[in-house]
Amino acid sequence: MTLQIAPNSLTHNRYGVIVSKRLGNAVQRNRMRRRIKAILMQRHPWLVQGYDTVWIARQSSVRQPHDALLRIVDDLLQQAAIVERTPNS
């Protein structure tokens, strides 16, 4: 999965999820999009506000279990340095 991030002038974050047609049929693409959005909504309260983020799903992320996908998203958010506090604190 790839994350692209840019600051915006708003008081909230905006999220975009891109899932290519190469990842499967419409059912598989929509399932992947819903999984990523659900994780982002869980993590939203712990993020620094004021960013636009675009998440690009890759072929290898389609078959990942929920826990692995959650770790991938958390790692990308940590690398982008927009995590205000961790969910466990």
PDB file of N, CA and C in Angstrom:
ATOM      1  N   MET A   1       0.846  -1.164   0.000  1.00  0.00           N
ATOM      2  CA  MET A   1       0.000   0.000   0.000  1.00  0.00           C
ATOM      3  C   MET A   1       0.895   1.232   0.000  1.00  0.00           C
ATOM      4  N   THR A   2       0.412   2.279  -0.612  1.00  0.00           N
ATOM      5  CA  THR A   2       1.151   3.525  -0.710  1.00  0.00           C
ATOM      6  C   THR A   2       0.311   4.647  -0.112  1.00  0.00           C
ATOM      7  N   LEU A   3       0.965   5.565   0.558  1.00  0.00           N
ATOM      8  CA  LEU A   3       0.296   6.722   1.141  1.00  0.00           C
ATOM      9  C   LEU A   3       0.915   7.987   0.573  1.00  0.00           C
ATOM     10  N   GLN A   4       0.053   8.873   0.098  1.00  0.00           N
ATOM     11  CA  GLN A   4       0.500  10.203  -0.317  1.00  0.00           C
ATOM     12  C   GLN A   4      -0.223  11.194   0.578  1.00  0.00           C
ATOM     13  N   ILE A   5       0.503  12.195   1.032  1.00  0.00           N
ATOM     14  CA  ILE A   5      -0.054  13.121   2.012  1.00  0.00           C
ATOM     15  C   ILE A   5       0.309  14.554   1.646  1.00  0.00           C
ATOM     16  N   ALA A   6      -0.627  15.462   1.916  1.00  0.00           N
ATOM     17  CA  ALA A   6      -0.388  16.879   1.677  1.00  0.00           C
ATOM     18  C   ALA A   6      -1.183  17.685   2.701  1.00  0.00           C
ATOM     19  N   PRO A   7      -0.607  18.745   3.225  1.00  0.00           N
ATOM     20  CA  PRO A   7      -1.356  19.575   4.171  1.00  0.00           C
ATOM     21  C   PRO A   7      -2.488  20.306   3.459  1.00  0.00           C
ATOM     22  N   ASN A   8      -3.586  20.496   4.167  1.00  0.00           N
ATOM     23  CA  ASN A   8      -4.678  21.314   3.634  1.00  0.00           C
ATOM     24  C   ASN A   8      -4.935  22.448   4.620  1.00  0.00           C
ATOM     25  N   SER A   9      -5.750  23.383   4.254  1.00  0.00           N
ATOM     26  CA  SER A   9      -6.008  24.535   5.123  1.00  0.00           C
ATOM     27  C   SER A   9      -7.288  24.343   5.935  1.00  0.00           C
ATOM     28  N   LEU A  10      -7.709  23.103   6.114  1.00  0.00           N
ATOM     29  CA  LEU A  10      -8.932  22.797   6.843  1.00  0.00           C
ATOM     30  C   LEU A  10      -8.612  22.345   8.263  1.00  0.00           C
ATOM     31  N   THR A  11      -9.639  22.249   9.075  1.00  0.00           N
ATOM     32  CA  THR A  11      -9.451  21.800  10.454  1.00  0.00           C
ATOM     33  C   THR A  11      -9.696  20.306  10.593  1.00  0.00           C
ATOM     34  N   HIS A  12      -9.787  19.606   9.487  1.00  0.00           N
ATOM     35  CA  HIS A  12     -10.012  18.162   9.520  1.00  0.00           C
ATOM     36  C   HIS A  12      -9.225  17.497   8.393  1.00  0.00           C
ATOM     37  N   ASN A  13      -9.125  16.197   8.482  1.00  0.00           N
ATOM     38  CA  ASN A  13      -8.441  15.423   7.445  1.00  0.00           C
ATOM     39  C   ASN A  13      -9.434  14.977   6.390  1.00  0.00           C
ATOM     40  N   ARG A  14      -8.910  14.771   5.196  1.00  0.00           N
ATOM     41  CA  ARG A  14      -9.701  14.169   4.120  1.00  0.00           C
ATOM     42  C   ARG A  14      -8.956  12.939   3.640  1.00  0.00           C
ATOM     43  N   TYR A  15      -9.727  11.889   3.349  1.00  0.00           N
ATOM     44  CA  TYR A  15      -9.134  10.617   2.959  1.00  0.00           C
ATOM     45  C   TYR A  15      -9.643  10.203   1.588  1.00  0.00           C
ATOM     46  N   GLY A  16      -8.744   9.745   0.756  1.00  0.00           N
ATOM     47  CA  GLY A  16      -9.105   9.187  -0.542  1.00  0.00           C
ATOM     48  C   GLY A  16      -8.491   7.807  -0.654  1.00  0.00           C
ATOM     49  N   VAL A  17      -9.243   6.878  -1.218  1.00  0.00           N
ATOM     50  CA  VAL A  17      -8.754   5.506  -1.379  1.00  0.00           C
ATOM     51  C   VAL A  17      -8.842   5.138  -2.851  1.00  0.00           C
ATOM     52  N   ILE A  18      -7.720   4.713  -3.414  1.00  0.00           N
ATOM     53  CA  ILE A  18      -7.665   4.313  -4.810  1.00  0.00           C
ATOM     54  C   ILE A  18      -7.392   2.816  -4.881  1.00  0.00           C
ATOM     55  N   VAL A  19      -8.275   2.122  -5.583  1.00  0.00           N
ATOM     56  CA  VAL A  19      -8.114   0.688  -5.791  1.00  0.00           C
ATOM     57  C   VAL A  19      -8.237   0.440  -7.291  1.00  0.00           C
ATOM     58  N   SER A  20      -7.169   0.003  -7.909  1.00  0.00           N
ATOM     59  CA  SER A  20      -7.106  -0.190  -9.349  1.00  0.00           C
ATOM     60  C   SER A  20      -7.961  -1.379  -9.800  1.00  0.00           C
ATOM     61  N   LYS A  21      -8.393  -1.338 -11.045  1.00  0.00           N
ATOM     62  CA  LYS A  21      -9.141  -2.458 -11.617  1.00  0.00           C
ATOM     63  C   LYS A  21      -8.304  -3.720 -11.697  1.00  0.00           C
ATOM     64  N   ARG A  22      -6.991  -3.576 -11.674  1.00  0.00           N
ATOM     65  CA  ARG A  22      -6.108  -4.736 -11.715  1.00  0.00           C
ATOM     66  C   ARG A  22      -6.190  -5.579 -10.449  1.00  0.00           C
ATOM     67  N   LEU A  23      -6.775  -5.031  -9.383  1.00  0.00           N
ATOM     68  CA  LEU A  23      -6.848  -5.748  -8.118  1.00  0.00           C
ATOM     69  C   LEU A  23      -8.001  -6.734  -8.059  1.00  0.00           C
ATOM     70  N   GLY A  24      -8.890  -6.715  -9.018  1.00  0.00           N
ATOM     71  CA  GLY A  24      -9.990  -7.672  -9.020  1.00  0.00           C
ATOM     72  C   GLY A  24     -11.264  -7.058  -9.558  1.00  0.00           C
ATOM     73  N   ASN A  25     -12.341  -7.814  -9.398  1.00  0.00           N
ATOM     74  CA  ASN A  25     -13.625  -7.317  -9.886  1.00  0.00           C
ATOM     75  C   ASN A  25     -14.179  -6.253  -8.923  1.00  0.00           C
ATOM     76  N   ALA A  26     -15.343  -5.720  -9.232  1.00  0.00           N
ATOM     77  CA  ALA A  26     -15.912  -4.621  -8.451  1.00  0.00           C
ATOM     78  C   ALA A  26     -16.154  -5.015  -6.994  1.00  0.00           C
ATOM     79  N   VAL A  27     -16.568  -6.240  -6.770  1.00  0.00           N
ATOM     80  CA  VAL A  27     -16.820  -6.701  -5.404  1.00  0.00           C
ATOM     81  C   VAL A  27     -15.529  -6.686  -4.590  1.00  0.00           C
ATOM     82  N   GLN A  28     -14.457  -7.194  -5.150  1.00  0.00           N
ATOM     83  CA  GLN A  28     -13.166  -7.216  -4.450  1.00  0.00           C
ATOM     84  C   GLN A  28     -12.617  -5.810  -4.226  1.00  0.00           C
ATOM     85  N   ARG A  29     -12.748  -4.957  -5.234  1.00  0.00           N
ATOM     86  CA  ARG A  29     -12.258  -3.578  -5.093  1.00  0.00           C
ATOM     87  C   ARG A  29     -13.042  -2.820  -4.031  1.00  0.00           C
ATOM     88  N   ASN A  30     -14.349  -2.957  -4.036  1.00  0.00           N
ATOM     89  CA  ASN A  30     -15.168  -2.262  -3.040  1.00  0.00           C
ATOM     90  C   ASN A  30     -14.919  -2.796  -1.639  1.00  0.00           C
ATOM     91  N   ARG A  31     -14.705  -4.094  -1.502  1.00  0.00           N
ATOM     92  CA  ARG A  31     -14.395  -4.675  -0.197  1.00  0.00           C
ATOM     93  C   ARG A  31     -13.084  -4.095   0.333  1.00  0.00           C
ATOM     94  N   MET A  32     -12.099  -4.007  -0.535  1.00  0.00           N
ATOM     95  CA  MET A  32     -10.805  -3.448  -0.128  1.00  0.00           C
ATOM     96  C   MET A  32     -10.968  -1.989   0.283  1.00  0.00           C
ATOM     97  N   ARG A  33     -11.714  -1.228  -0.499  1.00  0.00           N
ATOM     98  CA  ARG A  33     -11.958   0.180  -0.182  1.00  0.00           C
ATOM     99  C   ARG A  33     -12.656   0.321   1.170  1.00  0.00           C
ATOM    100  N   ARG A  34     -13.643  -0.502   1.439  1.00  0.00           N
ATOM    101  CA  ARG A  34     -14.360  -0.454   2.727  1.00  0.00           C
ATOM    102  C   ARG A  34     -13.441  -0.836   3.884  1.00  0.00           C
ATOM    103  N   ARG A  35     -12.581  -1.822   3.688  1.00  0.00           N
ATOM    104  CA  ARG A  35     -11.664  -2.240   4.748  1.00  0.00           C
ATOM    105  C   ARG A  35     -10.705  -1.111   5.119  1.00  0.00           C
ATOM    106  N   ILE A  36     -10.158  -0.447   4.103  1.00  0.00           N
ATOM    107  CA  ILE A  36      -9.219   0.644   4.361  1.00  0.00           C
ATOM    108  C   ILE A  36      -9.929   1.805   5.045  1.00  0.00           C
ATOM    109  N   LYS A  37     -11.117   2.161   4.563  1.00  0.00           N
ATOM    110  CA  LYS A  37     -11.870   3.265   5.169  1.00  0.00           C
ATOM    111  C   LYS A  37     -12.236   2.972   6.615  1.00  0.00           C
ATOM    112  N   ALA A  38     -12.582   1.734   6.918  1.00  0.00           N
ATOM    113  CA  ALA A  38     -12.935   1.364   8.297  1.00  0.00           C
ATOM    114  C   ALA A  38     -11.729   1.544   9.222  1.00  0.00           C
ATOM    115  N   ILE A  39     -10.560   1.140   8.766  1.00  0.00           N
ATOM    116  CA  ILE A  39      -9.348   1.301   9.572  1.00  0.00           C
ATOM    117  C   ILE A  39      -9.034   2.784   9.764  1.00  0.00           C
ATOM    118  N   LEU A  40      -9.188   3.570   8.717  1.00  0.00           N
ATOM    119  CA  LEU A  40      -8.911   4.999   8.823  1.00  0.00           C
ATOM    120  C   LEU A  40      -9.870   5.688   9.787  1.00  0.00           C
ATOM    121  N   MET A  41     -11.116   5.291   9.797  1.00  0.00           N
ATOM    122  CA  MET A  41     -12.078   5.891  10.714  1.00  0.00           C
ATOM    123  C   MET A  41     -11.768   5.497  12.163  1.00  0.00           C
ATOM    124  N   GLN A  42     -11.210   4.302  12.362  1.00  0.00           N
ATOM    125  CA  GLN A  42     -10.760   3.909  13.700  1.00  0.00           C
ATOM    126  C   GLN A  42      -9.592   4.774  14.150  1.00  0.00           C
ATOM    127  N   ARG A  43      -8.695   5.062  13.252  1.00  0.00           N
ATOM    128  CA  ARG A  43      -7.472   5.794  13.571  1.00  0.00           C
ATOM    129  C   ARG A  43      -7.666   7.315  13.553  1.00  0.00           C
ATOM    130  N   HIS A  44      -8.720   7.805  12.973  1.00  0.00           N
ATOM    131  CA  HIS A  44      -8.950   9.242  12.809  1.00  0.00           C
ATOM    132  C   HIS A  44      -8.796  10.047  14.103  1.00  0.00           C
ATOM    133  N   PRO A  45      -9.351   9.611  15.240  1.00  0.00           N
ATOM    134  CA  PRO A  45      -9.213  10.424  16.464  1.00  0.00           C
ATOM    135  C   PRO A  45      -7.771  10.616  16.937  1.00  0.00           C
ATOM    136  N   TRP A  46      -6.866   9.765  16.527  1.00  0.00           N
ATOM    137  CA  TRP A  46      -5.482   9.829  16.991  1.00  0.00           C
ATOM    138  C   TRP A  46      -4.558  10.548  16.014  1.00  0.00           C
ATOM    139  N   LEU A  47      -5.110  11.117  14.949  1.00  0.00           N
ATOM    140  CA  LEU A  47      -4.272  11.743  13.924  1.00  0.00           C
ATOM    141  C   LEU A  47      -4.270  13.257  14.052  1.00  0.00           C
ATOM    142  N   VAL A  48      -3.161  13.850  13.651  1.00  0.00           N
ATOM    143  CA  VAL A  48      -3.067  15.298  13.551  1.00  0.00           C
ATOM    144  C   VAL A  48      -3.995  15.725  12.418  1.00  0.00           C
ATOM    145  N   GLN A  49      -4.785  16.753  12.655  1.00  0.00           N
ATOM    146  CA  GLN A  49      -5.762  17.201  11.666  1.00  0.00           C
ATOM    147  C   GLN A  49      -5.146  18.218  10.707  1.00  0.00           C
ATOM    148  N   GLY A  50      -5.735  18.322   9.516  1.00  0.00           N
ATOM    149  CA  GLY A  50      -5.282  19.303   8.534  1.00  0.00           C
ATOM    150  C   GLY A  50      -4.490  18.709   7.385  1.00  0.00           C
ATOM    151  N   TYR A  51      -4.778  17.443   7.046  1.00  0.00           N
ATOM    152  CA  TYR A  51      -4.052  16.782   5.959  1.00  0.00           C
ATOM    153  C   TYR A  51      -5.016  16.107   4.986  1.00  0.00           C
ATOM    154  N   ASP A  52      -4.620  16.087   3.723  1.00  0.00           N
ATOM    155  CA  ASP A  52      -5.282  15.273   2.716  1.00  0.00           C
ATOM    156  C   ASP A  52      -4.427  14.027   2.540  1.00  0.00           C
ATOM    157  N   THR A  53      -5.041  12.869   2.613  1.00  0.00           N
ATOM    158  CA  THR A  53      -4.295  11.630   2.426  1.00  0.00           C
ATOM    159  C   THR A  53      -4.923  10.818   1.311  1.00  0.00           C
ATOM    160  N   VAL A  54      -4.093  10.241   0.497  1.00  0.00           N
ATOM    161  CA  VAL A  54      -4.542   9.357  -0.578  1.00  0.00           C
ATOM    162  C   VAL A  54      -3.878   8.014  -0.359  1.00  0.00           C
ATOM    163  N   TRP A  55      -4.700   6.982  -0.220  1.00  0.00           N
ATOM    164  CA  TRP A  55      -4.235   5.619   0.008  1.00  0.00           C
ATOM    165  C   TRP A  55      -4.391   4.843  -1.287  1.00  0.00           C
ATOM    166  N   ILE A  56      -3.303   4.242  -1.743  1.00  0.00           N
ATOM    167  CA  ILE A  56      -3.319   3.478  -2.984  1.00  0.00           C
ATOM    168  C   ILE A  56      -3.081   2.016  -2.631  1.00  0.00           C
ATOM    169  N   ALA A  57      -4.097   1.192  -2.859  1.00  0.00           N
ATOM    170  CA  ALA A  57      -3.993  -0.239  -2.539  1.00  0.00           C
ATOM    171  C   ALA A  57      -3.178  -0.940  -3.613  1.00  0.00           C
ATOM    172  N   ARG A  58      -2.348  -1.856  -3.179  1.00  0.00           N
ATOM    173  CA  ARG A  58      -1.539  -2.663  -4.082  1.00  0.00           C
ATOM    174  C   ARG A  58      -2.029  -4.101  -4.052  1.00  0.00           C
ATOM    175  N   GLN A  59      -1.632  -4.860  -5.042  1.00  0.00           N
ATOM    176  CA  GLN A  59      -2.083  -6.243  -5.189  1.00  0.00           C
ATOM    177  C   GLN A  59      -1.815  -7.071  -3.931  1.00  0.00           C
ATOM    178  N   SER A  60      -0.669  -6.872  -3.315  1.00  0.00           N
ATOM    179  CA  SER A  60      -0.314  -7.688  -2.149  1.00  0.00           C
ATOM    180  C   SER A  60      -1.197  -7.398  -0.934  1.00  0.00           C
ATOM    181  N   SER A  61      -1.816  -6.231  -0.871  1.00  0.00           N
ATOM    182  CA  SER A  61      -2.647  -5.894   0.284  1.00  0.00           C
ATOM    183  C   SER A  61      -4.051  -6.474   0.205  1.00  0.00           C
ATOM    184  N   VAL A  62      -4.463  -6.939  -0.957  1.00  0.00           N
ATOM    185  CA  VAL A  62      -5.831  -7.443  -1.130  1.00  0.00           C
ATOM    186  C   VAL A  62      -6.086  -8.681  -0.282  1.00  0.00           C
ATOM    187  N   ARG A  63      -5.143  -9.576  -0.219  1.00  0.00           N
ATOM    188  CA  ARG A  63      -5.332 -10.839   0.492  1.00  0.00           C
ATOM    189  C   ARG A  63      -4.869 -10.797   1.942  1.00  0.00           C
ATOM    190  N   GLN A  64      -4.499  -9.632   2.431  1.00  0.00           N
ATOM    191  CA  GLN A  64      -4.017  -9.511   3.801  1.00  0.00           C
ATOM    192  C   GLN A  64      -5.175  -9.627   4.797  1.00  0.00           C
ATOM    193  N   PRO A  65      -4.956 -10.308   5.921  1.00  0.00           N
ATOM    194  CA  PRO A  65      -5.981 -10.318   6.968  1.00  0.00           C
ATOM    195  C   PRO A  65      -6.085  -8.932   7.608  1.00  0.00           C
ATOM    196  N   HIS A  66      -7.130  -8.730   8.359  1.00  0.00           N
ATOM    197  CA  HIS A  66      -7.408  -7.418   8.960  1.00  0.00           C
ATOM    198  C   HIS A  66      -6.241  -6.945   9.833  1.00  0.00           C
ATOM    199  N   ASP A  67      -5.692  -7.808  10.649  1.00  0.00           N
ATOM    200  CA  ASP A  67      -4.589  -7.416  11.540  1.00  0.00           C
ATOM    201  C   ASP A  67      -3.371  -6.941  10.753  1.00  0.00           C
ATOM    202  N   ALA A  68      -3.056  -7.620   9.673  1.00  0.00           N
ATOM    203  CA  ALA A  68      -1.906  -7.237   8.857  1.00  0.00           C
ATOM    204  C   ALA A  68      -2.170  -5.896   8.167  1.00  0.00           C
ATOM    205  N   LEU A  69      -3.379  -5.711   7.672  1.00  0.00           N
ATOM    206  CA  LEU A  69      -3.733  -4.450   7.024  1.00  0.00           C
ATOM    207  C   LEU A  69      -3.690  -3.295   8.030  1.00  0.00           C
ATOM    208  N   LEU A  70      -4.128  -3.558   9.247  1.00  0.00           N
ATOM    209  CA  LEU A  70      -4.077  -2.566  10.310  1.00  0.00           C
ATOM    210  C   LEU A  70      -2.628  -2.164  10.613  1.00  0.00           C
ATOM    211  N   ARG A  71      -1.728  -3.131  10.673  1.00  0.00           N
ATOM    212  CA  ARG A  71      -0.310  -2.838  10.909  1.00  0.00           C
ATOM    213  C   ARG A  71       0.291  -2.024   9.765  1.00  0.00           C
ATOM    214  N   ILE A  72      -0.096  -2.350   8.532  1.00  0.00           N
ATOM    215  CA  ILE A  72       0.414  -1.614   7.370  1.00  0.00           C
ATOM    216  C   ILE A  72      -0.012  -0.151   7.440  1.00  0.00           C
ATOM    217  N   VAL A  73      -1.289   0.074   7.720  1.00  0.00           N
ATOM    218  CA  VAL A  73      -1.806   1.449   7.818  1.00  0.00           C
ATOM    219  C   VAL A  73      -1.114   2.191   8.963  1.00  0.00           C
ATOM    220  N   ASP A  74      -0.989   1.542  10.117  1.00  0.00           N
ATOM    221  CA  ASP A  74      -0.326   2.181  11.253  1.00  0.00           C
ATOM    222  C   ASP A  74       1.123   2.541  10.928  1.00  0.00           C
ATOM    223  N   ASP A  75       1.828   1.642  10.262  1.00  0.00           N
ATOM    224  CA  ASP A  75       3.214   1.914   9.887  1.00  0.00           C
ATOM    225  C   ASP A  75       3.316   3.116   8.951  1.00  0.00           C
ATOM    226  N   LEU A  76       2.423   3.183   7.970  1.00  0.00           N
ATOM    227  CA  LEU A  76       2.451   4.309   7.027  1.00  0.00           C
ATOM    228  C   LEU A  76       2.109   5.623   7.727  1.00  0.00           C
ATOM    229  N   LEU A  77       1.170   5.583   8.660  1.00  0.00           N
ATOM    230  CA  LEU A  77       0.826   6.795   9.408  1.00  0.00           C
ATOM    231  C   LEU A  77       1.992   7.245  10.283  1.00  0.00           C
ATOM    232  N   GLN A  78       2.689   6.294  10.887  1.00  0.00           N
ATOM    233  CA  GLN A  78       3.869   6.642  11.696  1.00  0.00           C
ATOM    234  C   GLN A  78       4.965   7.249  10.828  1.00  0.00           C
ATOM    235  N   GLN A  79       5.192   6.676   9.653  1.00  0.00           N
ATOM    236  CA  GLN A  79       6.219   7.196   8.748  1.00  0.00           C
ATOM    237  C   GLN A  79       5.874   8.603   8.279  1.00  0.00           C
ATOM    238  N   ALA A  80       4.585   8.865   8.087  1.00  0.00           N
ATOM    239  CA  ALA A  80       4.154  10.191   7.642  1.00  0.00           C
ATOM    240  C   ALA A  80       4.178  11.207   8.781  1.00  0.00           C
ATOM    241  N   ALA A  81       4.342  10.729  10.013  1.00  0.00           N
ATOM    242  CA  ALA A  81       4.431  11.579  11.213  1.00  0.00           C
ATOM    243  C   ALA A  81       3.170  12.408  11.425  1.00  0.00           C
ATOM    244  N   ILE A  82       2.016  11.801  11.222  1.00  0.00           N
ATOM    245  CA  ILE A  82       0.770  12.517  11.503  1.00  0.00           C
ATOM    246  C   ILE A  82      -0.017  11.863  12.636  1.00  0.00           C
ATOM    247  N   VAL A  83       0.634  10.953  13.361  1.00  0.00           N
ATOM    248  CA  VAL A  83      -0.019  10.330  14.507  1.00  0.00           C
ATOM    249  C   VAL A  83       0.243  11.198  15.725  1.00  0.00           C
ATOM    250  N   GLU A  84      -0.847  11.713  16.313  1.00  0.00           N
ATOM    251  CA  GLU A  84      -0.728  12.579  17.476  1.00  0.00           C
ATOM    252  C   GLU A  84      -0.452  11.777  18.742  1.00  0.00           C
ATOM    253  N   ARG A  85      -1.175  10.677  18.878  1.00  0.00           N
ATOM    254  CA  ARG A  85      -0.957   9.758  19.995  1.00  0.00           C
ATOM    255  C   ARG A  85      -1.361   8.377  19.544  1.00  0.00           C
ATOM    256  N   THR A  86      -0.885   7.374  20.217  1.00  0.00           N
ATOM    257  CA  THR A  86      -1.188   6.002  19.796  1.00  0.00           C
ATOM    258  C   THR A  86      -2.545   5.574  20.343  1.00  0.00           C
ATOM    259  N   PRO A  87      -3.231   4.668  19.664  1.00  0.00           N
ATOM    260  CA  PRO A  87      -4.529   4.193  20.136  1.00  0.00           C
ATOM    261  C   PRO A  87      -4.463   3.527  21.500  1.00  0.00           C
ATOM    262  N   ASN A  88      -3.316   3.002  21.892  1.00  0.00           N
ATOM    263  CA  ASN A  88      -3.191   2.290  23.160  1.00  0.00           C
ATOM    264  C   ASN A  88      -2.906   3.206  24.339  1.00  0.00           C
ATOM    265  N   SER A  89      -2.669   4.504  24.096  1.00  0.00           N
ATOM    266  CA  SER A  89      -2.336   5.393  25.216  1.00  0.00           C
ATOM    267  C   SER A  89      -3.555   6.129  25.724  1.00  0.00           C
TER     268      SER A  89
END
